[in-house]
Structure formats: structure tokens, C-alpha cells
């Protein structure tokens, strides 16, 4: 019974995977050009969905971008020229893997900076905590030792 449930879960998760949203009227007759268009479409972000490529998105803007990509390829543009054309029109945000340049330094270096700041804060906390703890426990005075003995021994003293 558990195997059947696991198999059903695997099948359902496979069926729920996003399907490519390229519509039949968009597909180019030349398979080589179509493969190039699909590869480029997987590099470009849908500006509506933002977490999907235009190849996976159902948004009307994504369809428009897919058509632009195919038109540019049909006109004889190279893959880099098509990507550059779309990026010039919509900015580096449209690229799923933006370039490393001055305007994207925060994007690329931000996570490392946050990690280093967090690590420094943890180190400072641990250093402060260690400094606040005495190196060794102070020896008990005779009076404190006698009181401790009474408390542990069950004697209720003053």
C-alpha cells in the first residue's frame, strides 16, 4: 500500500511540472532555428512572473518576447545579438543570469556580504559571551561551603 502511495505521489509530481508554454503558432518551421529560440527563451526572465523563463510562462508578455526572439532569429541575428537586443530593451533584469558589472554588484556580492556580516556578528557574540564567563569557578569560602553542605545534606540551617 505504501509503495502504491509513493508511486502515485511520484506520478502526480511529474504531471504537475510546468509545461513549456510555447504555443503551436509560435513554433518555427526550421527545427534548428526553433531549438535556438527555445534555448534563448530559457535564458530570459518573464517580466510578469519573474521566477519563470519566457519559455515556461503563459503570460501574454512572455508570448510577445518569444515572438520577438523568433523574429530576430529568422532575420538572421545570432543568439548573442538576440539576447543583447532584449536586454537593451528591458534591462539586465530580463536575464535569468545577469552579467557581473557595476549595476549588478549588489546582486552578485550581496549574499556573500550578508553572510560575512552574520559570521562577524556571531563571532563577536561568542567572544563577548566567553569574556563574560569567569575562567574558573571561584573557590567557596568556609561559610559558603558549610551552608552548601547543610543544604545538600538536608540540614535546614540559617
N, C-alpha and C. Protein backbone atom coordinates (compact mmCIF):
# COMPACT_ATOMS: atom_id res chain seq x y z
N UNK A 1 0.82 -1.18 0.00
CA UNK A 1 0.00 0.00 0.00
C UNK A 1 0.87 1.26 0.00
N UNK A 2 1.95 1.22 0.78
CA UNK A 2 2.85 2.38 0.85
C UNK A 2 3.55 2.58 -0.49
N UNK A 3 3.90 1.49 -1.15
CA UNK A 3 4.55 1.61 -2.45
C UNK A 3 3.61 2.24 -3.47
N UNK A 4 2.35 1.87 -3.42
CA UNK A 4 1.38 2.45 -4.36
C UNK A 4 1.22 3.95 -4.10
N UNK A 5 1.16 4.32 -2.84
CA UNK A 5 1.03 5.73 -2.50
C UNK A 5 2.26 6.51 -2.96
N UNK A 6 3.45 5.94 -2.78
CA UNK A 6 4.68 6.60 -3.21
C UNK A 6 4.71 6.73 -4.73
N UNK A 7 4.30 5.67 -5.44
CA UNK A 7 4.25 5.71 -6.89
C UNK A 7 3.26 6.77 -7.37
N UNK A 8 2.11 6.85 -6.72
CA UNK A 8 1.11 7.85 -7.08
C UNK A 8 1.66 9.26 -6.84
N UNK A 9 2.37 9.45 -5.75
CA UNK A 9 2.95 10.77 -5.45
C UNK A 9 3.98 11.16 -6.50
N UNK A 10 4.81 10.21 -6.92
CA UNK A 10 5.82 10.49 -7.95
C UNK A 10 5.14 10.83 -9.27
N UNK A 11 4.12 10.09 -9.64
CA UNK A 11 3.42 10.36 -10.89
C UNK A 11 2.74 11.73 -10.87
N UNK A 12 2.10 12.05 -9.76
CA UNK A 12 1.44 13.35 -9.66
C UNK A 12 2.44 14.49 -9.69
N UNK A 13 3.59 14.33 -9.05
CA UNK A 13 4.59 15.40 -9.08
C UNK A 13 5.17 15.56 -10.49
N UNK A 14 5.29 14.47 -11.23
CA UNK A 14 5.78 14.57 -12.60
C UNK A 14 4.76 15.28 -13.49
N UNK A 15 3.49 15.02 -13.24
CA UNK A 15 2.44 15.66 -14.04
C UNK A 15 2.27 17.12 -13.69
N UNK A 16 2.64 17.50 -12.47
CA UNK A 16 2.47 18.89 -12.06
C UNK A 16 3.64 19.78 -12.46
N UNK A 17 4.66 19.22 -13.07
CA UNK A 17 5.80 20.02 -13.51
C UNK A 17 5.33 21.01 -14.57
N UNK A 18 5.92 22.20 -14.59
CA UNK A 18 5.46 23.19 -15.55
C UNK A 18 5.74 22.75 -16.98
N UNK A 19 4.75 22.88 -17.80
CA UNK A 19 4.90 22.52 -19.20
C UNK A 19 5.39 23.75 -19.95
N UNK A 20 6.14 23.52 -21.01
CA UNK A 20 6.59 24.64 -21.83
C UNK A 20 5.37 25.31 -22.43
N UNK A 21 5.38 26.62 -22.42
CA UNK A 21 4.20 27.36 -22.85
C UNK A 21 4.26 27.83 -24.28
N UNK A 22 5.20 27.33 -25.04
CA UNK A 22 5.29 27.71 -26.44
C UNK A 22 4.07 27.15 -27.15
N UNK A 23 3.35 28.05 -27.79
CA UNK A 23 2.12 27.65 -28.48
C UNK A 23 2.45 27.20 -29.90
N UNK A 24 1.61 26.35 -30.47
CA UNK A 24 1.90 25.81 -31.82
C UNK A 24 2.09 26.89 -32.89
N UNK A 25 1.38 28.01 -32.78
CA UNK A 25 1.53 29.05 -33.80
C UNK A 25 2.86 29.80 -33.69
N UNK A 26 3.58 29.60 -32.61
CA UNK A 26 4.88 30.26 -32.42
C UNK A 26 6.02 29.42 -32.98
N UNK A 27 5.85 28.12 -33.09
CA UNK A 27 6.92 27.21 -33.45
C UNK A 27 7.40 27.49 -34.88
N UNK A 28 8.72 27.60 -35.02
CA UNK A 28 9.32 27.85 -36.33
C UNK A 28 9.38 26.56 -37.14
N UNK A 29 9.32 26.70 -38.45
CA UNK A 29 9.36 25.52 -39.33
C UNK A 29 10.73 24.87 -39.33
N UNK A 30 11.79 25.67 -39.20
CA UNK A 30 13.15 25.14 -39.19
C UNK A 30 13.48 24.64 -37.78
N UNK A 31 13.71 23.33 -37.63
CA UNK A 31 13.98 22.78 -36.29
C UNK A 31 15.24 23.37 -35.64
N UNK A 32 16.25 23.68 -36.43
CA UNK A 32 17.48 24.25 -35.87
C UNK A 32 17.20 25.64 -35.28
N UNK A 33 16.44 26.46 -36.02
CA UNK A 33 16.09 27.78 -35.51
C UNK A 33 15.19 27.67 -34.29
N UNK A 34 14.27 26.71 -34.30
CA UNK A 34 13.37 26.52 -33.16
C UNK A 34 14.15 26.12 -31.91
N UNK A 35 15.14 25.24 -32.08
CA UNK A 35 15.97 24.83 -30.93
C UNK A 35 16.75 26.02 -30.39
N UNK A 36 17.27 26.88 -31.27
CA UNK A 36 17.97 28.08 -30.82
C UNK A 36 17.01 29.01 -30.08
N UNK A 37 15.81 29.17 -30.62
CA UNK A 37 14.82 30.04 -29.98
C UNK A 37 14.45 29.53 -28.60
N UNK A 38 14.29 28.21 -28.47
CA UNK A 38 13.96 27.63 -27.16
C UNK A 38 15.10 27.82 -26.18
N UNK A 39 16.34 27.66 -26.65
CA UNK A 39 17.50 27.85 -25.77
C UNK A 39 17.58 29.30 -25.29
N UNK A 40 17.33 30.24 -26.18
CA UNK A 40 17.36 31.66 -25.79
C UNK A 40 16.21 31.96 -24.84
N UNK A 41 15.04 31.41 -25.13
CA UNK A 41 13.86 31.66 -24.28
C UNK A 41 14.06 31.16 -22.87
N UNK A 42 14.88 30.15 -22.70
CA UNK A 42 15.14 29.62 -21.35
C UNK A 42 16.11 30.51 -20.57
N UNK A 43 16.79 31.45 -21.26
CA UNK A 43 17.72 32.37 -20.60
C UNK A 43 17.06 33.67 -20.19
N UNK A 44 15.84 33.92 -20.72
CA UNK A 44 15.18 35.20 -20.50
C UNK A 44 14.07 35.07 -19.47
N UNK A 45 14.01 36.03 -18.54
CA UNK A 45 13.03 36.03 -17.46
C UNK A 45 11.71 36.62 -17.95
N UNK A 46 10.62 36.02 -17.52
CA UNK A 46 9.31 36.60 -17.77
C UNK A 46 9.17 37.80 -16.84
N UNK A 47 8.88 38.95 -17.40
CA UNK A 47 8.80 40.17 -16.60
C UNK A 47 7.52 40.22 -15.77
N UNK A 48 6.55 39.38 -16.09
CA UNK A 48 5.31 39.32 -15.32
C UNK A 48 5.47 38.32 -14.18
N UNK A 49 5.92 37.13 -14.50
CA UNK A 49 6.05 36.05 -13.49
C UNK A 49 7.30 36.23 -12.64
N UNK A 50 8.38 36.68 -13.21
CA UNK A 50 9.66 36.98 -12.59
C UNK A 50 10.44 35.78 -12.09
N UNK A 51 9.81 34.65 -11.89
CA UNK A 51 10.58 33.49 -11.46
C UNK A 51 10.53 32.38 -12.50
N UNK A 52 10.06 32.71 -13.68
CA UNK A 52 10.00 31.74 -14.77
C UNK A 52 10.69 32.32 -15.99
N UNK A 53 11.16 31.42 -16.83
CA UNK A 53 11.69 31.88 -18.11
C UNK A 53 10.50 32.15 -19.04
N UNK A 54 10.75 32.87 -20.11
CA UNK A 54 9.65 33.12 -21.04
C UNK A 54 9.23 31.84 -21.74
N UNK A 55 10.11 30.85 -21.74
CA UNK A 55 9.78 29.55 -22.34
C UNK A 55 8.72 28.82 -21.52
N UNK A 56 8.71 29.06 -20.21
CA UNK A 56 7.78 28.36 -19.32
C UNK A 56 6.53 29.17 -18.98
N UNK A 57 6.53 30.45 -19.27
CA UNK A 57 5.47 31.33 -18.82
C UNK A 57 4.29 31.38 -19.79
N UNK A 58 3.09 31.50 -19.21
CA UNK A 58 1.86 31.65 -20.01
C UNK A 58 1.47 33.11 -20.20
N UNK A 59 2.21 34.03 -19.62
CA UNK A 59 1.84 35.45 -19.66
C UNK A 59 1.89 35.98 -21.09
N UNK A 60 1.00 36.89 -21.42
CA UNK A 60 0.99 37.48 -22.77
C UNK A 60 2.31 38.17 -23.12
N UNK A 61 2.94 38.84 -22.15
CA UNK A 61 4.23 39.49 -22.41
C UNK A 61 5.30 38.45 -22.75
N UNK A 62 5.26 37.31 -22.09
CA UNK A 62 6.23 36.25 -22.39
C UNK A 62 6.02 35.75 -23.82
N UNK A 63 4.78 35.62 -24.23
CA UNK A 63 4.49 35.20 -25.62
C UNK A 63 5.05 36.23 -26.59
N UNK A 64 4.84 37.52 -26.28
CA UNK A 64 5.36 38.58 -27.15
C UNK A 64 6.88 38.50 -27.25
N UNK A 65 7.54 38.25 -26.12
CA UNK A 65 9.00 38.13 -26.14
C UNK A 65 9.45 36.90 -26.92
N UNK A 66 8.74 35.80 -26.80
CA UNK A 66 9.08 34.60 -27.58
C UNK A 66 8.97 34.90 -29.07
N UNK A 67 7.95 35.66 -29.44
CA UNK A 67 7.76 36.01 -30.85
C UNK A 67 8.89 36.92 -31.33
N UNK A 68 9.29 37.89 -30.48
CA UNK A 68 10.41 38.78 -30.83
C UNK A 68 11.68 37.97 -31.04
N UNK A 69 11.93 37.02 -30.15
CA UNK A 69 13.13 36.18 -30.26
C UNK A 69 13.10 35.43 -31.59
N UNK A 70 11.97 34.86 -31.94
CA UNK A 70 11.87 34.09 -33.18
C UNK A 70 11.99 35.00 -34.42
N UNK A 71 11.43 36.20 -34.33
CA UNK A 71 11.55 37.14 -35.45
C UNK A 71 13.00 37.55 -35.67
N UNK A 72 13.72 37.82 -34.58
CA UNK A 72 15.12 38.22 -34.70
C UNK A 72 15.98 37.08 -35.26
N UNK A 73 15.70 35.85 -34.81
CA UNK A 73 16.45 34.70 -35.32
C UNK A 73 16.17 34.49 -36.80
N UNK A 74 14.92 34.63 -37.19
CA UNK A 74 14.53 34.46 -38.59
C UNK A 74 15.19 35.54 -39.46
N UNK A 75 15.39 36.74 -38.89
CA UNK A 75 16.03 37.83 -39.62
C UNK A 75 17.54 37.62 -39.74
N UNK A 76 18.08 36.59 -39.07
CA UNK A 76 19.50 36.28 -39.21
C UNK A 76 20.37 36.70 -38.06
N UNK A 77 19.79 37.14 -36.96
CA UNK A 77 20.58 37.56 -35.80
C UNK A 77 21.18 36.34 -35.10
N UNK A 78 22.34 36.54 -34.49
CA UNK A 78 22.96 35.46 -33.71
C UNK A 78 22.27 35.38 -32.35
N UNK A 79 22.54 34.32 -31.62
CA UNK A 79 21.95 34.15 -30.29
C UNK A 79 22.33 35.30 -29.37
N UNK A 80 23.61 35.68 -29.39
CA UNK A 80 24.07 36.78 -28.53
C UNK A 80 23.41 38.10 -28.92
N UNK A 81 23.23 38.31 -30.21
CA UNK A 81 22.57 39.54 -30.66
C UNK A 81 21.13 39.60 -30.18
N UNK A 82 20.44 38.47 -30.21
CA UNK A 82 19.05 38.44 -29.76
C UNK A 82 18.97 38.72 -28.27
N UNK A 83 19.81 38.08 -27.49
CA UNK A 83 19.82 38.30 -26.04
C UNK A 83 20.18 39.75 -25.73
N UNK A 84 21.17 40.29 -26.42
CA UNK A 84 21.57 41.68 -26.22
C UNK A 84 20.43 42.63 -26.58
N UNK A 85 19.72 42.35 -27.67
CA UNK A 85 18.59 43.19 -28.10
C UNK A 85 17.51 43.23 -27.02
N UNK A 86 17.15 42.07 -26.49
CA UNK A 86 16.10 42.02 -25.46
C UNK A 86 16.59 42.71 -24.18
N UNK A 87 17.85 42.49 -23.81
CA UNK A 87 18.39 43.11 -22.59
C UNK A 87 18.47 44.63 -22.73
N UNK A 88 18.77 45.13 -23.92
CA UNK A 88 18.81 46.58 -24.14
C UNK A 88 17.42 47.19 -24.00
N UNK A 89 16.41 46.46 -24.42
CA UNK A 89 15.05 46.97 -24.34
C UNK A 89 14.48 46.90 -22.92
N UNK A 90 14.78 45.83 -22.19
CA UNK A 90 14.15 45.59 -20.88
C UNK A 90 15.11 45.66 -19.70
N UNK A 91 16.38 45.82 -19.96
CA UNK A 91 17.37 45.89 -18.88
C UNK A 91 17.90 44.51 -18.50
N UNK A 92 18.91 44.50 -17.65
CA UNK A 92 19.55 43.25 -17.25
C UNK A 92 18.63 42.36 -16.43
N UNK A 93 17.56 42.93 -15.88
CA UNK A 93 16.64 42.14 -15.08
C UNK A 93 16.00 41.02 -15.90
N UNK A 94 15.88 41.21 -17.20
CA UNK A 94 15.24 40.21 -18.06
C UNK A 94 16.12 38.96 -18.21
N UNK A 95 17.39 39.08 -17.89
CA UNK A 95 18.30 37.94 -17.99
C UNK A 95 18.22 37.10 -16.72
N UNK A 96 18.00 35.81 -16.88
CA UNK A 96 17.95 34.93 -15.70
C UNK A 96 19.32 34.83 -15.04
N UNK A 97 20.38 35.04 -15.80
CA UNK A 97 21.73 35.06 -15.24
C UNK A 97 22.36 36.39 -15.65
N UNK A 98 22.14 37.45 -14.84
CA UNK A 98 22.64 38.77 -15.21
C UNK A 98 24.16 38.83 -15.21
N UNK A 99 24.73 39.75 -16.01
CA UNK A 99 26.19 39.86 -16.08
C UNK A 99 26.76 40.48 -14.80
N UNK A 100 28.04 40.25 -14.58
CA UNK A 100 28.74 40.82 -13.43
C UNK A 100 29.30 42.16 -13.86
N UNK A 101 28.62 43.24 -13.49
CA UNK A 101 29.07 44.58 -13.82
C UNK A 101 28.64 45.52 -12.71
N UNK A 102 29.01 46.78 -12.82
CA UNK A 102 28.80 47.75 -11.74
C UNK A 102 27.36 47.80 -11.26
N UNK A 103 26.40 47.71 -12.17
CA UNK A 103 25.00 47.83 -11.77
C UNK A 103 24.47 46.56 -11.11
N UNK A 104 25.21 45.46 -11.19
CA UNK A 104 24.73 44.21 -10.59
C UNK A 104 25.65 43.70 -9.48
N UNK A 105 26.60 44.53 -9.03
CA UNK A 105 27.50 44.11 -7.95
C UNK A 105 26.72 43.70 -6.70
N UNK A 106 25.72 44.50 -6.34
CA UNK A 106 24.95 44.18 -5.14
C UNK A 106 24.26 42.83 -5.27
N UNK A 107 23.79 42.54 -6.46
CA UNK A 107 23.12 41.26 -6.71
C UNK A 107 24.08 40.09 -6.53
N UNK A 108 25.27 40.22 -7.07
CA UNK A 108 26.23 39.13 -7.02
C UNK A 108 26.98 39.06 -5.68
N UNK A 109 27.30 40.21 -5.10
CA UNK A 109 28.12 40.23 -3.89
C UNK A 109 27.30 40.36 -2.61
N UNK A 110 26.03 40.73 -2.74
CA UNK A 110 25.17 40.92 -1.57
C UNK A 110 25.07 39.70 -0.67
N UNK A 111 24.77 38.52 -1.22
CA UNK A 111 24.67 37.33 -0.34
C UNK A 111 25.97 37.04 0.41
N UNK A 112 27.12 37.20 -0.24
CA UNK A 112 28.39 36.97 0.45
C UNK A 112 28.61 38.00 1.55
N UNK A 113 28.26 39.25 1.26
CA UNK A 113 28.41 40.32 2.27
C UNK A 113 27.51 40.06 3.47
N UNK A 114 26.28 39.64 3.22
CA UNK A 114 25.36 39.34 4.32
C UNK A 114 25.89 38.17 5.16
N UNK A 115 26.42 37.16 4.49
CA UNK A 115 26.99 36.02 5.21
C UNK A 115 28.17 36.45 6.07
N UNK A 116 29.06 37.27 5.52
CA UNK A 116 30.23 37.72 6.28
C UNK A 116 29.83 38.59 7.47
N UNK A 117 28.84 39.45 7.29
CA UNK A 117 28.36 40.29 8.39
C UNK A 117 27.75 39.41 9.48
N UNK A 118 26.98 38.41 9.08
CA UNK A 118 26.38 37.49 10.05
C UNK A 118 27.44 36.70 10.79
N UNK A 119 28.45 36.22 10.06
CA UNK A 119 29.53 35.46 10.70
C UNK A 119 30.29 36.34 11.69
N UNK A 120 30.53 37.60 11.33
CA UNK A 120 31.23 38.52 12.24
C UNK A 120 30.38 38.79 13.48
N UNK A 121 29.06 38.92 13.31
CA UNK A 121 28.18 39.15 14.46
C UNK A 121 28.18 37.95 15.39
N UNK A 122 28.14 36.75 14.84
CA UNK A 122 28.18 35.54 15.67
C UNK A 122 29.51 35.44 16.40
N UNK A 123 30.61 35.73 15.71
CA UNK A 123 31.93 35.67 16.34
C UNK A 123 32.02 36.69 17.48
N UNK A 124 31.51 37.90 17.26
CA UNK A 124 31.54 38.92 18.31
C UNK A 124 30.69 38.50 19.50
N UNK A 125 29.52 37.91 19.24
CA UNK A 125 28.66 37.43 20.32
C UNK A 125 29.36 36.37 21.14
N UNK A 126 29.98 35.40 20.47
CA UNK A 126 30.67 34.32 21.18
C UNK A 126 31.87 34.85 21.97
N UNK A 127 32.59 35.82 21.41
CA UNK A 127 33.73 36.40 22.11
C UNK A 127 33.28 37.14 23.37
N UNK A 128 32.18 37.91 23.24
CA UNK A 128 31.65 38.63 24.41
C UNK A 128 31.16 37.66 25.47
N UNK A 129 30.51 36.60 25.03
CA UNK A 129 29.98 35.61 25.97
C UNK A 129 31.11 34.90 26.71
N UNK A 130 32.17 34.57 25.97
CA UNK A 130 33.30 33.89 26.58
C UNK A 130 34.02 34.81 27.56
N UNK A 131 34.10 36.10 27.25
CA UNK A 131 34.77 37.05 28.15
C UNK A 131 33.96 37.28 29.42
N UNK A 132 32.65 37.17 29.33
CA UNK A 132 31.80 37.38 30.49
C UNK A 132 31.84 36.21 31.45
N UNK A 133 32.19 35.03 30.96
CA UNK A 133 32.26 33.85 31.83
C UNK A 133 33.62 33.82 32.53
N UNK A 134 33.64 33.60 33.84
CA UNK A 134 34.94 33.52 34.51
C UNK A 134 35.68 32.28 34.04
N UNK A 135 37.01 32.40 34.03
CA UNK A 135 37.85 31.29 33.57
C UNK A 135 37.67 30.04 34.42
N UNK A 136 37.68 30.21 35.71
CA UNK A 136 37.47 29.08 36.60
C UNK A 136 36.54 29.53 37.71
N UNK A 137 35.80 28.58 38.24
CA UNK A 137 34.88 28.91 39.33
C UNK A 137 35.69 29.31 40.56
N UNK A 138 35.26 30.36 41.20
CA UNK A 138 35.94 30.82 42.41
C UNK A 138 35.73 29.80 43.52
N UNK A 139 36.75 29.64 44.35
CA UNK A 139 36.65 28.70 45.46
C UNK A 139 35.65 29.24 46.48
N UNK A 140 34.90 28.31 47.09
CA UNK A 140 33.91 28.71 48.08
C UNK A 140 34.59 29.03 49.40
N UNK A 141 34.04 30.01 50.05
CA UNK A 141 34.55 30.33 51.38
C UNK A 141 34.08 29.23 52.34
N UNK A 142 34.67 29.19 53.54
CA UNK A 142 34.28 28.18 54.54
C UNK A 142 32.82 28.32 54.91
N UNK A 143 32.38 29.53 55.03
CA UNK A 143 30.97 29.77 55.40
C UNK A 143 30.03 29.26 54.31
N UNK A 144 30.37 29.58 53.01
CA UNK A 144 29.54 29.11 51.89
C UNK A 144 29.57 27.59 51.77
N UNK A 145 30.74 26.99 52.02
CA UNK A 145 30.85 25.53 51.92
C UNK A 145 29.99 24.88 53.00
N UNK A 146 30.01 25.41 54.20
CA UNK A 146 29.21 24.86 55.29
C UNK A 146 27.72 24.97 54.96
N UNK A 147 27.34 26.11 54.43
CA UNK A 147 25.92 26.30 54.05
C UNK A 147 25.53 25.33 52.96
N UNK A 148 26.41 25.13 51.95
CA UNK A 148 26.13 24.20 50.87
C UNK A 148 26.01 22.78 51.40
N UNK A 149 26.89 22.41 52.31
CA UNK A 149 26.82 21.07 52.92
C UNK A 149 25.50 20.88 53.64
N UNK A 150 25.05 21.89 54.37
CA UNK A 150 23.78 21.79 55.09
C UNK A 150 22.63 21.63 54.10
N UNK A 151 22.67 22.40 53.00
CA UNK A 151 21.59 22.32 52.02
C UNK A 151 21.56 20.98 51.31
N UNK A 152 22.70 20.48 50.99
CA UNK A 152 22.76 19.20 50.30
C UNK A 152 22.51 18.03 51.24
N UNK A 153 22.90 18.19 52.46
CA UNK A 153 22.73 17.13 53.44
C UNK A 153 21.32 17.09 54.03
N UNK A 154 20.52 18.02 53.71
CA UNK A 154 19.17 18.02 54.24
C UNK A 154 19.03 18.83 55.51
N UNK A 155 20.16 19.32 56.04
CA UNK A 155 20.08 20.16 57.23
C UNK A 155 19.53 21.51 56.85
N UNK A 156 18.54 21.94 57.51
CA UNK A 156 17.99 23.27 57.27
C UNK A 156 18.64 24.23 58.25
N UNK A 157 19.58 24.96 57.80
CA UNK A 157 20.26 25.90 58.67
C UNK A 157 19.83 27.31 58.35
N UNK A 158 20.46 28.28 59.00
CA UNK A 158 20.08 29.69 58.79
C UNK A 158 20.39 30.18 57.43
